[in-house]
């Protein structure tokens, strides 16, 4: 087992690096300055539905249920 680890040590380090989630973000603007897109647009929902993006539409409807215009 030790030989295998030693032989594949570089791959082990690469795998660890690829598996890490990096949350660092240099963000200088205040959070209040962020604008969310307008997801209440019936045109957007119709476009998503027409192109078969039903999973995205379901997620959108669950996040913004008061704006739901179409059903999936």
C-alpha atoms as a PDB file:
ATOM      1  CA  UNK A   1       0.000   0.000   0.000  1.00  0.00           C
ATOM      2  CA  UNK A   2       2.810   2.414   0.878  1.00  0.00           C
ATOM      3  CA  UNK A   3       4.510   1.791  -2.485  1.00  0.00           C
ATOM      4  CA  UNK A   4       1.311   2.627  -4.332  1.00  0.00           C
ATOM      5  CA  UNK A   5       0.877   5.879  -2.373  1.00  0.00           C
ATOM      6  CA  UNK A   6       4.481   6.858  -2.949  1.00  0.00           C
ATOM      7  CA  UNK A   7       4.190   6.030  -6.651  1.00  0.00           C
ATOM      8  CA  UNK A   8       1.000   8.057  -7.047  1.00  0.00           C
ATOM      9  CA  UNK A   9       1.864  10.883  -4.646  1.00  0.00           C
ATOM     10  CA  UNK A  10       1.675  13.556  -7.332  1.00  0.00           C
ATOM     11  CA  UNK A  11      -1.758  12.324  -8.413  1.00  0.00           C
ATOM     12  CA  UNK A  12      -2.849  12.247  -4.758  1.00  0.00           C
ATOM     13  CA  UNK A  13      -1.918  15.920  -4.336  1.00  0.00           C
ATOM     14  CA  UNK A  14      -3.649  16.835  -7.583  1.00  0.00           C
ATOM     15  CA  UNK A  15      -6.814  14.993  -6.523  1.00  0.00           C
ATOM     16  CA  UNK A  16      -6.842  16.816  -3.204  1.00  0.00           C
ATOM     17  CA  UNK A  17      -6.366  20.180  -4.926  1.00  0.00           C
ATOM     18  CA  UNK A  18      -9.198  19.469  -7.376  1.00  0.00           C
ATOM     19  CA  UNK A  19     -11.540  18.390  -4.570  1.00  0.00           C
ATOM     20  CA  UNK A  20     -11.058  21.550  -2.484  1.00  0.00           C
ATOM     21  CA  UNK A  21     -13.758  24.187  -2.561  1.00  0.00           C
ATOM     22  CA  UNK A  22     -12.346  27.684  -2.594  1.00  0.00           C
ATOM     23  CA  UNK A  23     -14.549  30.336  -1.036  1.00  0.00           C
ATOM     24  CA  UNK A  24     -12.095  33.214  -1.047  1.00  0.00           C
ATOM     25  CA  UNK A  25     -13.335  36.146  -3.032  1.00  0.00           C
ATOM     26  CA  UNK A  26     -11.977  39.650  -3.284  1.00  0.00           C
ATOM     27  CA  UNK A  27     -15.111  41.729  -3.300  1.00  0.00           C
ATOM     28  CA  UNK A  28     -14.836  45.439  -2.652  1.00  0.00           C
ATOM     29  CA  UNK A  29     -18.433  46.592  -3.243  1.00  0.00           C
ATOM     30  CA  UNK A  30     -20.919  46.578  -0.354  1.00  0.00           C
ATOM     31  CA  UNK A  31     -23.503  43.794  -0.423  1.00  0.00           C
ATOM     32  CA  UNK A  32     -26.244  46.426  -0.701  1.00  0.00           C
ATOM     33  CA  UNK A  33     -24.875  47.385  -4.115  1.00  0.00           C
ATOM     34  CA  UNK A  34     -25.701  43.987  -5.594  1.00  0.00           C
ATOM     35  CA  UNK A  35     -28.743  43.765  -7.814  1.00  0.00           C
ATOM     36  CA  UNK A  36     -30.625  40.556  -8.457  1.00  0.00           C
ATOM     37  CA  UNK A  37     -31.962  40.036 -11.963  1.00  0.00           C
ATOM     38  CA  UNK A  38     -35.716  40.365 -12.382  1.00  0.00           C
ATOM     39  CA  UNK A  39     -36.916  36.762 -12.307  1.00  0.00           C
ATOM     40  CA  UNK A  40     -40.577  37.793 -12.338  1.00  0.00           C
ATOM     41  CA  UNK A  41     -40.478  38.267 -16.098  1.00  0.00           C
ATOM     42  CA  UNK A  42     -43.043  36.015 -17.729  1.00  0.00           C
ATOM     43  CA  UNK A  43     -40.963  36.217 -20.914  1.00  0.00           C
ATOM     44  CA  UNK A  44     -37.967  34.686 -19.140  1.00  0.00           C
ATOM     45  CA  UNK A  45     -40.069  31.871 -17.702  1.00  0.00           C
ATOM     46  CA  UNK A  46     -41.691  31.184 -21.074  1.00  0.00           C
ATOM     47  CA  UNK A  47     -38.254  31.150 -22.734  1.00  0.00           C
ATOM     48  CA  UNK A  48     -36.946  28.655 -20.159  1.00  0.00           C
ATOM     49  CA  UNK A  49     -40.000  26.474 -20.653  1.00  0.00           C
ATOM     50  CA  UNK A  50     -39.793  26.584 -24.472  1.00  0.00           C
ATOM     51  CA  UNK A  51     -36.147  25.527 -24.459  1.00  0.00           C
ATOM     52  CA  UNK A  52     -36.739  22.648 -22.060  1.00  0.00           C
ATOM     53  CA  UNK A  53     -35.049  24.109 -18.988  1.00  0.00           C
ATOM     54  CA  UNK A  54     -37.644  22.594 -16.674  1.00  0.00           C
ATOM     55  CA  UNK A  55     -35.189  21.953 -13.824  1.00  0.00           C
ATOM     56  CA  UNK A  56     -34.056  25.588 -13.801  1.00  0.00           C
ATOM     57  CA  UNK A  57     -37.683  26.712 -13.983  1.00  0.00           C
ATOM     58  CA  UNK A  58     -38.582  24.479 -11.010  1.00  0.00           C
ATOM     59  CA  UNK A  59     -35.695  25.930  -9.008  1.00  0.00           C
ATOM     60  CA  UNK A  60     -36.731  29.443  -9.980  1.00  0.00           C
ATOM     61  CA  UNK A  61     -40.316  28.743  -8.933  1.00  0.00           C
ATOM     62  CA  UNK A  62     -39.198  27.328  -5.593  1.00  0.00           C
ATOM     63  CA  UNK A  63     -36.964  30.345  -4.883  1.00  0.00           C
ATOM     64  CA  UNK A  64     -39.529  32.917  -6.035  1.00  0.00           C
ATOM     65  CA  UNK A  65     -42.945  31.230  -5.618  1.00  0.00           C
ATOM     66  CA  UNK A  66     -44.851  34.515  -5.425  1.00  0.00           C
ATOM     67  CA  UNK A  67     -43.670  35.294  -8.961  1.00  0.00           C
ATOM     68  CA  UNK A  68     -44.642  31.943 -10.485  1.00  0.00           C
ATOM     69  CA  UNK A  69     -46.452  32.519 -13.756  1.00  0.00           C
ATOM     70  CA  UNK A  70     -46.151  29.079 -15.377  1.00  0.00           C
ATOM     71  CA  UNK A  71     -46.290  25.535 -14.110  1.00  0.00           C
ATOM     72  CA  UNK A  72     -43.873  22.757 -14.933  1.00  0.00           C
END
